[in-house]
Amino acid sequence: MIFVKVNNDKIVIETMIADQAFMDSYIDTTPGTWLETKEDGSIRKNHAGIGYTYDAQNDAFISPQPYNSWTLNNTTFQWEAPTPCPVNEFNYTWNETDQQWNQRSGTE
């Protein structure tokens, strides 16, 4: 099982792989709360990592905002670009300055 420690500011600051029995007996003297996360996002909406925020009201982990123009989807709790990424055989990167997806070259 994967657990993450959330500090008083609701930011994930630590991760640990352990079984539930260990966590039940684990004594941690530093401030924060340990919560389980799953790689498939089946609990708390998303798999958490260092720097993620925990939204206790919605029981959701939220990744850091990748770009200022992106908005949080309040159903999936994932960030979305102002326009969807094209879906085809090419790879794209977001261009924040131009607010568009740019096709990546094969050398990147």
Protein backbone atom coordinates (compact mmCIF):
# COMPACT_ATOMS: atom_id res chain seq x y z
CA MET A 1 0.00 0.00 0.00
CA ILE A 2 1.12 3.56 -0.61
CA PHE A 3 0.64 6.27 2.00
CA VAL A 4 1.38 9.98 1.80
CA LYS A 5 1.86 12.45 4.60
CA VAL A 6 -0.09 15.69 4.32
CA ASN A 7 1.14 18.67 6.34
CA ASN A 8 -1.04 21.28 8.07
CA ASP A 9 -1.18 23.27 4.81
CA LYS A 10 -2.68 20.18 3.09
CA ILE A 11 0.45 19.63 0.95
CA VAL A 12 1.88 16.13 0.44
CA ILE A 13 5.38 16.17 1.95
CA GLU A 14 6.32 12.49 2.25
CA THR A 15 5.48 9.06 0.83
CA MET A 16 5.77 5.59 2.30
CA ILE A 17 5.10 2.05 1.09
CA ALA A 18 3.80 -0.02 3.99
CA ASP A 19 1.02 -2.40 4.94
CA GLN A 20 -1.96 -1.30 7.01
CA ALA A 21 -0.74 -3.12 10.13
CA PHE A 22 2.48 -1.11 10.08
CA MET A 23 0.60 2.16 9.63
CA ASP A 24 -1.79 1.28 12.47
CA SER A 25 1.16 0.93 14.86
CA TYR A 26 3.42 3.62 13.35
CA ILE A 27 4.21 6.49 15.71
CA ASP A 28 5.02 9.70 13.88
CA THR A 29 5.89 12.62 16.15
CA THR A 30 5.92 15.28 13.42
CA PRO A 31 2.82 17.26 12.39
CA GLY A 32 0.71 15.92 9.57
CA THR A 33 -1.69 13.18 8.59
CA TRP A 34 -1.00 9.93 6.72
CA LEU A 35 -3.49 9.03 3.99
CA GLU A 36 -3.62 6.14 1.57
CA THR A 37 -3.26 6.76 -2.16
CA LYS A 38 -3.54 4.30 -5.03
CA GLU A 39 -1.74 4.35 -8.34
CA ASP A 40 -4.97 3.80 -10.24
CA GLY A 41 -6.68 6.78 -8.56
CA SER A 42 -9.46 4.54 -7.23
CA ILE A 43 -9.45 6.44 -3.94
CA ARG A 44 -9.13 10.18 -3.40
CA LYS A 45 -9.63 10.81 -7.13
CA ASN A 46 -5.90 10.79 -8.09
CA HIS A 47 -2.64 9.10 -7.15
CA ALA A 48 -0.74 11.56 -4.94
CA GLY A 49 2.88 12.57 -4.98
CA ILE A 50 5.14 15.06 -3.25
CA GLY A 51 3.78 18.59 -3.79
CA TYR A 52 0.19 17.54 -4.39
CA THR A 53 -2.58 19.25 -2.41
CA TYR A 54 -5.20 17.36 -0.44
CA ASP A 55 -8.75 18.72 -0.67
CA ALA A 56 -10.38 17.27 2.45
CA GLN A 57 -13.87 18.51 1.58
CA ASN A 58 -13.82 16.51 -1.67
CA ASP A 59 -11.42 13.79 -0.43
CA ALA A 60 -9.24 14.43 -3.47
CA PHE A 61 -5.54 14.76 -4.23
CA ILE A 62 -4.74 17.54 -6.72
CA SER A 63 -1.47 17.83 -8.63
CA PRO A 64 0.32 21.18 -8.81
CA GLN A 65 -1.17 23.45 -11.49
CA PRO A 66 0.97 22.92 -14.61
CA TYR A 67 0.20 26.28 -16.26
CA ASN A 68 -1.60 29.44 -15.12
CA SER A 69 -4.17 29.14 -17.92
CA TRP A 70 -5.26 25.64 -16.94
CA THR A 71 -8.38 25.16 -14.80
CA LEU A 72 -9.27 22.48 -12.31
CA ASN A 73 -12.01 20.06 -13.30
CA ASN A 74 -14.16 19.77 -10.16
CA THR A 75 -15.29 16.27 -11.09
CA THR A 76 -11.97 14.59 -11.90
CA PHE A 77 -9.80 17.01 -9.90
CA GLN A 78 -7.33 17.14 -12.78
CA TRP A 79 -6.06 20.25 -14.55
CA GLU A 80 -7.38 20.95 -18.04
CA ALA A 81 -5.92 23.13 -20.78
CA PRO A 82 -8.07 25.90 -22.29
CA THR A 83 -8.31 23.75 -25.43
CA PRO A 84 -8.15 19.94 -25.57
CA CYS A 85 -4.97 18.31 -26.77
CA PRO A 86 -5.28 16.88 -30.31
CA VAL A 87 -5.71 13.13 -30.35
CA ASN A 88 -3.73 11.54 -33.16
CA GLU A 89 -0.39 9.80 -33.75
CA PHE A 90 1.67 12.89 -32.85
CA ASN A 91 2.90 14.13 -29.47
CA TYR A 92 2.16 17.66 -28.30
CA THR A 93 3.37 20.10 -25.68
CA TRP A 94 1.40 23.01 -24.30
CA ASN A 95 2.63 26.49 -25.28
CA GLU A 96 1.51 28.82 -22.50
CA THR A 97 2.57 31.96 -24.37
CA ASP A 98 0.48 31.18 -27.45
CA GLN A 99 -2.19 29.25 -25.54
CA GLN A 100 -2.04 26.32 -27.95
CA TRP A 101 -0.72 22.80 -28.38
CA ASN A 102 2.49 22.52 -30.42
CA GLN A 103 3.40 19.32 -32.19
CA ARG A 104 6.67 17.91 -30.91
CA SER A 105 9.40 16.97 -33.31
CA GLY A 106 10.78 13.44 -33.28
CA THR A 107 14.02 14.61 -31.65
CA GLU A 108 12.49 15.97 -28.43
